[in-house]
PDB file of all heavy atoms in Angstrom:
ATOM      1  N   LYS A   1     -23.550  67.082  96.758  1.00  0.00           N
ATOM      2  CA  LYS A   1     -22.632  67.665  95.782  1.00  0.00           C
ATOM      3  C   LYS A   1     -23.360  68.165  94.540  1.00  0.00           C
ATOM      4  O   LYS A   1     -22.925  69.106  93.899  1.00  0.00           O
ATOM      5  CB  LYS A   1     -21.551  66.659  95.404  1.00  0.00           C
ATOM      6  CG  LYS A   1     -20.588  66.382  96.527  1.00  0.00           C
ATOM      7  CD  LYS A   1     -19.481  65.458  96.103  1.00  0.00           C
ATOM      8  CE  LYS A   1     -18.572  65.211  97.293  1.00  0.00           C
ATOM      9  NZ  LYS A   1     -17.408  64.462  96.952  1.00  0.00           N
ATOM     10  N   ASP A   2     -24.463  67.518  94.205  1.00  0.00           N
ATOM     11  CA  ASP A   2     -25.267  67.935  93.063  1.00  0.00           C
ATOM     12  C   ASP A   2     -25.772  69.363  93.287  1.00  0.00           C
ATOM     13  O   ASP A   2     -25.728  70.205  92.399  1.00  0.00           O
ATOM     14  CB  ASP A   2     -26.430  66.962  92.887  1.00  0.00           C
ATOM     15  CG  ASP A   2     -27.059  67.023  91.514  1.00  0.00           C
ATOM     16  OD1 ASP A   2     -26.354  67.372  90.553  1.00  0.00           O
ATOM     17  OD2 ASP A   2     -28.254  66.705  91.410  1.00  0.00           O
ATOM     18  N   ARG A   3     -26.228  69.636  94.501  1.00  0.00           N
ATOM     19  CA  ARG A   3     -26.710  70.971  94.876  1.00  0.00           C
ATOM     20  C   ARG A   3     -25.593  72.004  94.715  1.00  0.00           C
ATOM     21  O   ARG A   3     -25.792  73.056  94.114  1.00  0.00           O
ATOM     22  CB  ARG A   3     -27.210  70.918  96.318  1.00  0.00           C
ATOM     23  CG  ARG A   3     -27.688  72.229  96.882  1.00  0.00           C
ATOM     24  CD  ARG A   3     -28.136  71.997  98.341  1.00  0.00           C
ATOM     25  NE  ARG A   3     -28.494  73.207  99.009  1.00  0.00           N
ATOM     26  CZ  ARG A   3     -29.732  73.666  99.137  1.00  0.00           C
ATOM     27  NH1 ARG A   3     -30.738  72.988  98.627  1.00  0.00           N
ATOM     28  NH2 ARG A   3     -29.971  74.785  99.772  1.00  0.00           N
ATOM     29  N   LEU A   4     -24.416  71.667  95.241  1.00  0.00           N
ATOM     30  CA  LEU A   4     -23.277  72.591  95.148  1.00  0.00           C
ATOM     31  C   LEU A   4     -22.899  72.871  93.701  1.00  0.00           C
ATOM     32  O   LEU A   4     -22.533  73.996  93.358  1.00  0.00           O
ATOM     33  CB  LEU A   4     -22.068  72.025  95.900  1.00  0.00           C
ATOM     34  CG  LEU A   4     -22.146  72.040  97.419  1.00  0.00           C
ATOM     35  CD1 LEU A   4     -20.897  71.381  98.012  1.00  0.00           C
ATOM     36  CD2 LEU A   4     -22.299  73.446  97.947  1.00  0.00           C
ATOM     37  N   GLN A   5     -22.980  71.873  92.859  1.00  0.00           N
ATOM     38  CA  GLN A   5     -22.619  72.063  91.454  1.00  0.00           C
ATOM     39  C   GLN A   5     -23.528  73.093  90.786  1.00  0.00           C
ATOM     40  O   GLN A   5     -23.051  73.934  90.023  1.00  0.00           O
ATOM     41  CB  GLN A   5     -22.659  70.731  90.698  1.00  0.00           C
ATOM     42  CG  GLN A   5     -22.242  70.844  89.252  1.00  0.00           C
ATOM     43  CD  GLN A   5     -20.814  71.359  89.059  1.00  0.00           C
ATOM     44  OE1 GLN A   5     -19.968  71.303  89.952  1.00  0.00           O
ATOM     45  NE2 GLN A   5     -20.539  71.883  87.889  1.00  0.00           N
ATOM     46  N   PHE A   6     -24.817  73.057  91.064  1.00  0.00           N
ATOM     47  CA  PHE A   6     -25.727  74.049  90.473  1.00  0.00           C
ATOM     48  C   PHE A   6     -25.408  75.452  90.993  1.00  0.00           C
ATOM     49  O   PHE A   6     -25.476  76.427  90.235  1.00  0.00           O
ATOM     50  CB  PHE A   6     -27.193  73.683  90.742  1.00  0.00           C
ATOM     51  CG  PHE A   6     -27.703  72.648  89.788  1.00  0.00           C
ATOM     52  CD1 PHE A   6     -27.741  71.317  90.147  1.00  0.00           C
ATOM     53  CD2 PHE A   6     -28.121  73.002  88.509  1.00  0.00           C
ATOM     54  CE1 PHE A   6     -28.203  70.350  89.268  1.00  0.00           C
ATOM     55  CE2 PHE A   6     -28.578  72.043  87.619  1.00  0.00           C
ATOM     56  CZ  PHE A   6     -28.615  70.712  88.000  1.00  0.00           C
ATOM     57  N   PHE A   7     -25.058  75.555  92.265  1.00  0.00           N
ATOM     58  CA  PHE A   7     -24.702  76.867  92.805  1.00  0.00           C
ATOM     59  C   PHE A   7     -23.380  77.360  92.206  1.00  0.00           C
ATOM     60  O   PHE A   7     -23.206  78.553  91.965  1.00  0.00           O
ATOM     61  CB  PHE A   7     -24.626  76.829  94.328  1.00  0.00           C
ATOM     62  CG  PHE A   7     -25.954  76.569  94.996  1.00  0.00           C
ATOM     63  CD1 PHE A   7     -26.011  75.968  96.239  1.00  0.00           C
ATOM     64  CD2 PHE A   7     -27.154  76.912  94.384  1.00  0.00           C
ATOM     65  CE1 PHE A   7     -27.222  75.730  96.862  1.00  0.00           C
ATOM     66  CE2 PHE A   7     -28.378  76.675  94.994  1.00  0.00           C
ATOM     67  CZ  PHE A   7     -28.411  76.078  96.238  1.00  0.00           C
ATOM     68  N   ARG A   8     -22.463  76.440  91.924  1.00  0.00           N
ATOM     69  CA  ARG A   8     -21.209  76.822  91.258  1.00  0.00           C
ATOM     70  C   ARG A   8     -21.476  77.301  89.829  1.00  0.00           C
ATOM     71  O   ARG A   8     -20.859  78.255  89.357  1.00  0.00           O
ATOM     72  CB  ARG A   8     -20.234  75.651  91.253  1.00  0.00           C
ATOM     73  CG  ARG A   8     -19.627  75.368  92.595  1.00  0.00           C
ATOM     74  CD  ARG A   8     -18.604  74.230  92.528  1.00  0.00           C
ATOM     75  NE  ARG A   8     -18.148  73.900  93.847  1.00  0.00           N
ATOM     76  CZ  ARG A   8     -18.359  72.734  94.453  1.00  0.00           C
ATOM     77  NH1 ARG A   8     -19.003  71.765  93.831  1.00  0.00           N
ATOM     78  NH2 ARG A   8     -17.915  72.519  95.676  1.00  0.00           N
ATOM     79  N   ILE A   9     -22.374  76.635  89.144  1.00  0.00           N
ATOM     80  CA  ILE A   9     -22.737  77.057  87.787  1.00  0.00           C
ATOM     81  C   ILE A   9     -23.378  78.440  87.836  1.00  0.00           C
ATOM     82  O   ILE A   9     -23.077  79.307  87.005  1.00  0.00           O
ATOM     83  CB  ILE A   9     -23.663  76.024  87.115  1.00  0.00           C
ATOM     84  CG1 ILE A   9     -22.899  74.721  86.859  1.00  0.00           C
ATOM     85  CG2 ILE A   9     -24.246  76.576  85.821  1.00  0.00           C
ATOM     86  CD1 ILE A   9     -23.786  73.544  86.484  1.00  0.00           C
ATOM     87  N   ALA A  10     -24.242  78.668  88.818  1.00  0.00           N
ATOM     88  CA  ALA A  10     -24.877  79.982  88.978  1.00  0.00           C
ATOM     89  C   ALA A  10     -23.815  81.056  89.212  1.00  0.00           C
ATOM     90  O   ALA A  10     -23.891  82.152  88.645  1.00  0.00           O
ATOM     91  CB  ALA A  10     -25.879  79.961  90.129  1.00  0.00           C
ATOM     92  N   ALA A  11     -22.807  80.734  90.021  1.00  0.00           N
ATOM     93  CA  ALA A  11     -21.720  81.694  90.272  1.00  0.00           C
ATOM     94  C   ALA A  11     -20.936  81.974  88.994  1.00  0.00           C
ATOM     95  O   ALA A  11     -20.542  83.119  88.732  1.00  0.00           O
ATOM     96  CB  ALA A  11     -20.791  81.171  91.372  1.00  0.00           C
ATOM     97  N   GLY A  12     -20.717  80.945  88.190  1.00  0.00           N
ATOM     98  CA  GLY A  12     -20.042  81.145  86.909  1.00  0.00           C
ATOM     99  C   GLY A  12     -20.847  82.042  85.984  1.00  0.00           C
ATOM    100  O   GLY A  12     -20.303  82.921  85.305  1.00  0.00           O
ATOM    101  N   SER A  13     -22.149  81.847  85.972  1.00  0.00           N
ATOM    102  CA  SER A  13     -23.009  82.701  85.148  1.00  0.00           C
ATOM    103  C   SER A  13     -23.009  84.133  85.670  1.00  0.00           C
ATOM    104  O   SER A  13     -23.045  85.088  84.893  1.00  0.00           O
ATOM    105  CB  SER A  13     -24.433  82.146  85.118  1.00  0.00           C
ATOM    106  OG  SER A  13     -24.461  80.916  84.428  1.00  0.00           O
ATOM    107  N   ALA A  14     -22.959  84.297  86.986  1.00  0.00           N
ATOM    108  CA  ALA A  14     -22.879  85.641  87.564  1.00  0.00           C
ATOM    109  C   ALA A  14     -21.565  86.319  87.157  1.00  0.00           C
ATOM    110  O   ALA A  14     -21.541  87.520  86.858  1.00  0.00           O
ATOM    111  CB  ALA A  14     -23.006  85.582  89.080  1.00  0.00           C
ATOM    112  N   ALA A  15     -20.485  85.554  87.116  1.00  0.00           N
ATOM    113  CA  ALA A  15     -19.209  86.102  86.640  1.00  0.00           C
ATOM    114  C   ALA A  15     -19.316  86.508  85.173  1.00  0.00           C
ATOM    115  O   ALA A  15     -18.732  87.505  84.739  1.00  0.00           O
ATOM    116  CB  ALA A  15     -18.087  85.084  86.842  1.00  0.00           C
ATOM    117  N   GLU A  16     -20.081  85.743  84.398  1.00  0.00           N
ATOM    118  CA  GLU A  16     -20.307  86.083  82.997  1.00  0.00           C
ATOM    119  C   GLU A  16     -21.111  87.378  82.874  1.00  0.00           C
ATOM    120  O   GLU A  16     -20.838  88.204  81.998  1.00  0.00           O
ATOM    121  CB  GLU A  16     -21.039  84.935  82.298  1.00  0.00           C
ATOM    122  CG  GLU A  16     -21.201  85.144  80.815  1.00  0.00           C
ATOM    123  CD  GLU A  16     -21.871  83.968  80.126  1.00  0.00           C
ATOM    124  OE1 GLU A  16     -22.141  82.935  80.771  1.00  0.00           O
ATOM    125  OE2 GLU A  16     -22.134  84.096  78.922  1.00  0.00           O
ATOM    126  N   VAL A  17     -22.071  87.590  83.770  1.00  0.00           N
ATOM    127  CA  VAL A  17     -22.815  88.854  83.790  1.00  0.00           C
ATOM    128  C   VAL A  17     -21.849  90.003  84.024  1.00  0.00           C
ATOM    129  O   VAL A  17     -21.884  91.023  83.331  1.00  0.00           O
ATOM    130  CB  VAL A  17     -23.924  88.832  84.879  1.00  0.00           C
ATOM    131  CG1 VAL A  17     -24.497  90.231  85.104  1.00  0.00           C
ATOM    132  CG2 VAL A  17     -25.024  87.856  84.500  1.00  0.00           C
ATOM    133  N   ARG A  18     -20.966  89.829  85.010  1.00  0.00           N
ATOM    134  CA  ARG A  18     -19.978  90.880  85.317  1.00  0.00           C
ATOM    135  C   ARG A  18     -19.113  91.165  84.088  1.00  0.00           C
ATOM    136  O   ARG A  18     -18.872  92.321  83.736  1.00  0.00           O
ATOM    137  CB  ARG A  18     -19.108  90.443  86.489  1.00  0.00           C
ATOM    138  CG  ARG A  18     -17.880  91.284  86.703  1.00  0.00           C
ATOM    139  CD  ARG A  18     -17.943  92.322  87.763  1.00  0.00           C
ATOM    140  NE  ARG A  18     -18.263  91.724  89.038  1.00  0.00           N
ATOM    141  CZ  ARG A  18     -19.047  92.322  89.930  1.00  0.00           C
ATOM    142  NH1 ARG A  18     -19.569  93.487  89.681  1.00  0.00           N
ATOM    143  NH2 ARG A  18     -19.308  91.750  91.074  1.00  0.00           N
ATOM    144  N   ALA A  19     -18.641  90.133  83.422  1.00  0.00           N
ATOM    145  CA  ALA A  19     -17.780  90.308  82.247  1.00  0.00           C
ATOM    146  C   ALA A  19     -18.529  91.010  81.115  1.00  0.00           C
ATOM    147  O   ALA A  19     -17.973  91.893  80.453  1.00  0.00           O
ATOM    148  CB  ALA A  19     -17.247  88.956  81.783  1.00  0.00           C
ATOM    149  N   ALA A  20     -19.778  90.644  80.893  1.00  0.00           N
ATOM    150  CA  ALA A  20     -20.568  91.284  79.829  1.00  0.00           C
ATOM    151  C   ALA A  20     -20.763  92.768  80.134  1.00  0.00           C
ATOM    152  O   ALA A  20     -20.671  93.608  79.226  1.00  0.00           O
ATOM    153  CB  ALA A  20     -21.912  90.584  79.666  1.00  0.00           C
ATOM    154  N   LEU A  21     -21.008  93.090  81.400  1.00  0.00           N
ATOM    155  CA  LEU A  21     -21.120  94.505  81.782  1.00  0.00           C
ATOM    156  C   LEU A  21     -19.803  95.232  81.560  1.00  0.00           C
ATOM    157  O   LEU A  21     -19.785  96.370  81.066  1.00  0.00           O
ATOM    158  CB  LEU A  21     -21.552  94.629  83.247  1.00  0.00           C
ATOM    159  CG  LEU A  21     -23.000  94.295  83.557  1.00  0.00           C
ATOM    160  CD1 LEU A  21     -23.227  94.253  85.068  1.00  0.00           C
ATOM    161  CD2 LEU A  21     -23.932  95.297  82.900  1.00  0.00           C
ATOM    162  N   ASP A  22     -18.698  94.580  81.902  1.00  0.00           N
ATOM    163  CA  ASP A  22     -17.370  95.181  81.687  1.00  0.00           C
ATOM    164  C   ASP A  22     -17.112  95.445  80.206  1.00  0.00           C
ATOM    165  O   ASP A  22     -16.601  96.501  79.833  1.00  0.00           O
ATOM    166  CB  ASP A  22     -16.270  94.276  82.255  1.00  0.00           C
ATOM    167  CG  ASP A  22     -16.247  94.219  83.769  1.00  0.00           C
ATOM    168  OD1 ASP A  22     -16.885  95.086  84.422  1.00  0.00           O
ATOM    169  OD2 ASP A  22     -15.590  93.302  84.303  1.00  0.00           O
ATOM    170  N   VAL A  23     -17.457  94.482  79.358  1.00  0.00           N
ATOM    171  CA  VAL A  23     -17.259  94.633  77.913  1.00  0.00           C
ATOM    172  C   VAL A  23     -18.107  95.788  77.390  1.00  0.00           C
ATOM    173  O   VAL A  23     -17.628  96.645  76.646  1.00  0.00           O
ATOM    174  CB  VAL A  23     -17.592  93.316  77.166  1.00  0.00           C
ATOM    175  CG1 VAL A  23     -17.679  93.539  75.667  1.00  0.00           C
ATOM    176  CG2 VAL A  23     -16.546  92.252  77.485  1.00  0.00           C
ATOM    177  N   ALA A  24     -19.372  95.807  77.770  1.00  0.00           N
ATOM    178  CA  ALA A  24     -20.275  96.865  77.305  1.00  0.00           C
ATOM    179  C   ALA A  24     -19.783  98.237  77.742  1.00  0.00           C
ATOM    180  O   ALA A  24     -19.815  99.208  76.971  1.00  0.00           O
ATOM    181  CB  ALA A  24     -21.685  96.616  77.821  1.00  0.00           C
ATOM    182  N   ARG A  25     -19.279  98.324  78.969  1.00  0.00           N
ATOM    183  CA  ARG A  25     -18.739  99.594  79.472  1.00  0.00           C
ATOM    184  C   ARG A  25     -17.459  99.972  78.736  1.00  0.00           C
ATOM    185  O   ARG A  25     -17.267 101.117  78.350  1.00  0.00           O
ATOM    186  CB  ARG A  25     -18.505  99.481  80.975  1.00  0.00           C
ATOM    187  CG  ARG A  25     -18.883 100.716  81.719  1.00  0.00           C
ATOM    188  CD  ARG A  25     -18.705 100.675  83.222  1.00  0.00           C
ATOM    189  NE  ARG A  25     -18.343  99.414  83.833  1.00  0.00           N
ATOM    190  CZ  ARG A  25     -19.217  98.545  84.342  1.00  0.00           C
ATOM    191  NH1 ARG A  25     -20.501  98.780  84.282  1.00  0.00           N
ATOM    192  NH2 ARG A  25     -18.802  97.430  84.902  1.00  0.00           N
ATOM    193  N   ALA A  26     -16.583  98.994  78.518  1.00  0.00           N
ATOM    194  CA  ALA A  26     -15.311  99.261  77.828  1.00  0.00           C
ATOM    195  C   ALA A  26     -15.543  99.741  76.398  1.00  0.00           C
ATOM    196  O   ALA A  26     -14.764 100.544  75.874  1.00  0.00           O
ATOM    197  CB  ALA A  26     -14.441  98.002  77.830  1.00  0.00           C
ATOM    198  N   LEU A  27     -16.605  99.269  75.774  1.00  0.00           N
ATOM    199  CA  LEU A  27     -16.926  99.682  74.411  1.00  0.00           C
ATOM    200  C   LEU A  27     -17.775 100.953  74.374  1.00  0.00           C
ATOM    201  O   LEU A  27     -18.162 101.400  73.302  1.00  0.00           O
ATOM    202  CB  LEU A  27     -17.656  98.546  73.684  1.00  0.00           C
ATOM    203  CG  LEU A  27     -16.809  97.296  73.426  1.00  0.00           C
ATOM    204  CD1 LEU A  27     -17.671  96.167  72.866  1.00  0.00           C
ATOM    205  CD2 LEU A  27     -15.649  97.608  72.491  1.00  0.00           C
ATOM    206  N   GLY A  28     -18.069 101.505  75.531  1.00  0.00           N
ATOM    207  CA  GLY A  28     -18.842 102.742  75.602  1.00  0.00           C
ATOM    208  C   GLY A  28     -20.316 102.572  75.297  1.00  0.00           C
ATOM    209  O   GLY A  28     -20.996 103.531  74.958  1.00  0.00           O
ATOM    210  N   MET A  29     -20.828 101.360  75.416  1.00  0.00           N
ATOM    211  CA  MET A  29     -22.232 101.092  75.093  1.00  0.00           C
ATOM    212  C   MET A  29     -23.164 101.360  76.267  1.00  0.00           C
ATOM    213  O   MET A  29     -24.349 101.625  76.065  1.00  0.00           O
ATOM    214  CB  MET A  29     -22.397  99.642  74.644  1.00  0.00           C
ATOM    215  CG  MET A  29     -21.686  99.327  73.363  1.00  0.00           C
ATOM    216  SD  MET A  29     -21.882  97.578  73.010  1.00  0.00           S
ATOM    217  CE  MET A  29     -20.784  97.407  71.634  1.00  0.00           C
ATOM    218  N   VAL A  30     -22.662 101.233  77.489  1.00  0.00           N
ATOM    219  CA  VAL A  30     -23.462 101.497  78.683  1.00  0.00           C
ATOM    220  C   VAL A  30     -22.598 102.230  79.704  1.00  0.00           C
ATOM    221  O   VAL A  30     -21.377 102.151  79.675  1.00  0.00           O
ATOM    222  CB  VAL A  30     -24.024 100.200  79.328  1.00  0.00           C
ATOM    223  CG1 VAL A  30     -24.942  99.459  78.379  1.00  0.00           C
ATOM    224  CG2 VAL A  30     -22.917  99.300  79.826  1.00  0.00           C
ATOM    225  N   GLY A  31     -23.279 102.922  80.596  1.00  0.00           N
ATOM    226  CA  GLY A  31     -22.590 103.559  81.706  1.00  0.00           C
ATOM    227  C   GLY A  31     -22.640 102.654  82.921  1.00  0.00           C
ATOM    228  O   GLY A  31     -22.882 101.450  82.814  1.00  0.00           O
ATOM    229  N   ALA A  32     -22.462 103.254  84.064  1.00  0.00           N
ATOM    230  CA  ALA A  32     -22.529 102.496  85.309  1.00  0.00           C
ATOM    231  C   ALA A  32     -23.951 101.989  85.521  1.00  0.00           C
ATOM    232  O   ALA A  32     -24.919 102.619  85.104  1.00  0.00           O
ATOM    233  CB  ALA A  32     -22.101 103.380  86.477  1.00  0.00           C
ATOM    234  N   ALA A  33     -24.046 100.853  86.146  1.00  0.00           N
ATOM    235  CA  ALA A  33     -25.344 100.256  86.485  1.00  0.00           C
ATOM    236  C   ALA A  33     -25.312  99.905  87.966  1.00  0.00           C
ATOM    237  O   ALA A  33     -25.217  98.739  88.331  1.00  0.00           O
ATOM    238  CB  ALA A  33     -25.590  99.021  85.624  1.00  0.00           C
ATOM    239  N   PRO A  34     -25.372 100.940  88.835  1.00  0.00           N
ATOM    240  CA  PRO A  34     -25.151 100.699  90.267  1.00  0.00           C
ATOM    241  C   PRO A  34     -26.129  99.711  90.905  1.00  0.00           C
ATOM    242  O   PRO A  34     -25.729  98.891  91.728  1.00  0.00           O
ATOM    243  CB  PRO A  34     -25.261 102.085  90.896  1.00  0.00           C
ATOM    244  CG  PRO A  34     -25.844 102.975  89.871  1.00  0.00           C
ATOM    245  CD  PRO A  34     -25.632 102.333  88.536  1.00  0.00           C
ATOM    246  N   THR A  35     -27.391  99.750  90.522  1.00  0.00           N
ATOM    247  CA  THR A  35     -28.368  98.825  91.105  1.00  0.00           C
ATOM    248  C   THR A  35     -28.035  97.390  90.730  1.00  0.00           C
ATOM    249  O   THR A  35     -27.974  96.505  91.591  1.00  0.00           O
ATOM    250  CB  THR A  35     -29.798  99.173  90.642  1.00  0.00           C
ATOM    251  OG1 THR A  35     -30.082 100.512  91.026  1.00  0.00           O
ATOM    252  CG2 THR A  35     -30.817  98.232  91.236  1.00  0.00           C
ATOM    253  N   ALA A  36     -27.807  97.160  89.450  1.00  0.00           N
ATOM    254  CA  ALA A  36     -27.483  95.811  88.988  1.00  0.00           C
ATOM    255  C   ALA A  36     -26.164  95.334  89.578  1.00  0.00           C
ATOM    256  O   ALA A  36     -26.050  94.179  89.994  1.00  0.00           O
ATOM    257  CB  ALA A  36     -27.429  95.776  87.463  1.00  0.00           C
ATOM    258  N   GLU A  37     -25.174  96.213  89.635  1.00  0.00           N
ATOM    259  CA  GLU A  37     -23.866  95.807  90.153  1.00  0.00           C
ATOM    260  C   GLU A  37     -23.920  95.507  91.649  1.00  0.00           C
ATOM    261  O   GLU A  37     -23.265  94.571  92.116  1.00  0.00           O
ATOM    262  CB  GLU A  37     -22.825  96.857  89.810  1.00  0.00           C
ATOM    263  CG  GLU A  37     -22.565  96.885  88.307  1.00  0.00           C
ATOM    264  CD  GLU A  37     -21.579  97.949  87.876  1.00  0.00           C
ATOM    265  OE1 GLU A  37     -20.624  98.211  88.623  1.00  0.00           O
ATOM    266  OE2 GLU A  37     -21.778  98.507  86.788  1.00  0.00           O
ATOM    267  N   ALA A  38     -24.718  96.259  92.393  1.00  0.00           N
ATOM    268  CA  ALA A  38     -24.874  95.978  93.828  1.00  0.00           C
ATOM    269  C   ALA A  38     -25.547  94.623  94.032  1.00  0.00           C
ATOM    270  O   ALA A  38     -25.128  93.830  94.887  1.00  0.00           O
ATOM    271  CB  ALA A  38     -25.674  97.089  94.495  1.00  0.00           C
ATOM    272  N   GLU A  39     -26.582  94.343  93.244  1.00  0.00           N
ATOM    273  CA  GLU A  39     -27.254  93.045  93.345  1.00  0.00           C
ATOM    274  C   GLU A  39     -26.321  91.920  92.910  1.00  0.00           C
ATOM    275  O   GLU A  39     -26.326  90.839  93.498  1.00  0.00           O
ATOM    276  CB  GLU A  39     -28.538  93.016  92.517  1.00  0.00           C
ATOM    277  CG  GLU A  39     -29.701  93.706  93.173  1.00  0.00           C
ATOM    278  CD  GLU A  39     -30.099  93.105  94.513  1.00  0.00           C
ATOM    279  OE1 GLU A  39     -30.234  91.868  94.627  1.00  0.00           O
ATOM    280  OE2 GLU A  39     -30.285  93.886  95.457  1.00  0.00           O
ATOM    281  N   LEU A  40     -25.524  92.167  91.888  1.00  0.00           N
ATOM    282  CA  LEU A  40     -24.567  91.163  91.421  1.00  0.00           C
ATOM    283  C   LEU A  40     -23.569  90.829  92.524  1.00  0.00           C
ATOM    284  O   LEU A  40     -23.287  89.655  92.790  1.00  0.00           O
ATOM    285  CB  LEU A  40     -23.853  91.657  90.164  1.00  0.00           C
ATOM    286  CG  LEU A  40     -22.826  90.724  89.550  1.00  0.00           C
ATOM    287  CD1 LEU A  40     -23.441  89.384  89.181  1.00  0.00           C
ATOM    288  CD2 LEU A  40     -22.213  91.386  88.313  1.00  0.00           C
ATOM    289  N   ASP A  41     -23.047  91.851  93.198  1.00  0.00           N
ATOM    290  CA  ASP A  41     -22.121  91.617  94.315  1.00  0.00           C
ATOM    291  C   ASP A  41     -22.798  90.808  95.420  1.00  0.00           C
ATOM    292  O   ASP A  41     -22.197  89.892  95.989  1.00  0.00           O
ATOM    293  CB  ASP A  41     -21.620  92.947  94.885  1.00  0.00           C
ATOM    294  CG  ASP A  41     -20.660  93.666  93.965  1.00  0.00           C
ATOM    295  OD1 ASP A  41     -20.082  93.022  93.060  1.00  0.00           O
ATOM    296  OD2 ASP A  41     -20.484  94.892  94.143  1.00  0.00           O
ATOM    297  N   ARG A  42     -24.036  91.132  95.694  1.00  0.00           N
ATOM    298  CA  ARG A  42     -24.794  90.430  96.735  1.00  0.00           C
ATOM    299  C   ARG A  42     -24.999  88.964  96.365  1.00  0.00           C
ATOM    300  O   ARG A  42     -24.802  88.064  97.189  1.00  0.00           O
ATOM    301  CB  ARG A  42     -26.127  91.152  96.918  1.00  0.00           C
ATOM    302  CG  ARG A  42     -26.928  90.682  98.066  1.00  0.00           C
ATOM    303  CD  ARG A  42     -28.084  91.657  98.327  1.00  0.00           C
ATOM    304  NE  ARG A  42     -28.989  91.012  99.237  1.00  0.00           N
ATOM    305  CZ  ARG A  42     -30.268  90.818  99.016  1.00  0.00           C
ATOM    306  NH1 ARG A  42     -30.830  91.253  97.916  1.00  0.00           N
ATOM    307  NH2 ARG A  42     -31.015  90.209  99.901  1.00  0.00           N
ATOM    308  N   VAL A  43     -25.396  88.720  95.124  1.00  0.00           N
ATOM    309  CA  VAL A  43     -25.611  87.349  94.660  1.00  0.00           C
ATOM    310  C   VAL A  43     -24.306  86.554  94.721  1.00  0.00           C
ATOM    311  O   VAL A  43     -24.288  85.417  95.204  1.00  0.00           O
ATOM    312  CB  VAL A  43     -26.194  87.342  93.223  1.00  0.00           C
ATOM    313  CG1 VAL A  43     -26.132  85.956  92.605  1.00  0.00           C
ATOM    314  CG2 VAL A  43     -27.623  87.862  93.223  1.00  0.00           C
ATOM    315  N   LEU A  44     -23.221  87.146  94.252  1.00  0.00           N
ATOM    316  CA  LEU A  44     -21.934  86.444  94.280  1.00  0.00           C
ATOM    317  C   LEU A  44     -21.498  86.122  95.708  1.00  0.00           C
ATOM    318  O   LEU A  44     -20.973  85.034  95.967  1.00  0.00           O
ATOM    319  CB  LEU A  44     -20.868  87.267  93.555  1.00  0.00           C
ATOM    320  CG  LEU A  44     -20.931  87.195  92.036  1.00  0.00           C
ATOM    321  CD1 LEU A  44     -20.084  88.290  91.404  1.00  0.00           C
ATOM    322  CD2 LEU A  44     -20.499  85.830  91.542  1.00  0.00           C
ATOM    323  N   ALA A  45     -21.727  87.040  96.638  1.00  0.00           N
ATOM    324  CA  ALA A  45     -21.371  86.784  98.044  1.00  0.00           C
ATOM    325  C   ALA A  45     -22.208  85.643  98.608  1.00  0.00           C
ATOM    326  O   ALA A  45     -21.677  84.750  99.300  1.00  0.00           O
ATOM    327  CB  ALA A  45     -21.572  88.050  98.869  1.00  0.00           C
TER     328      ALA A  45
END
């Protein structure tokens, strides 16, 4: 269970990456980041 908890924390941090990208995009600070977003989807899966 200790192992699973670290992987759950990693998934939470990955969700935080997604949210930060969404905020930056919503504020017009960055455009699309297809490479990063594809890797993010892969990591989350």
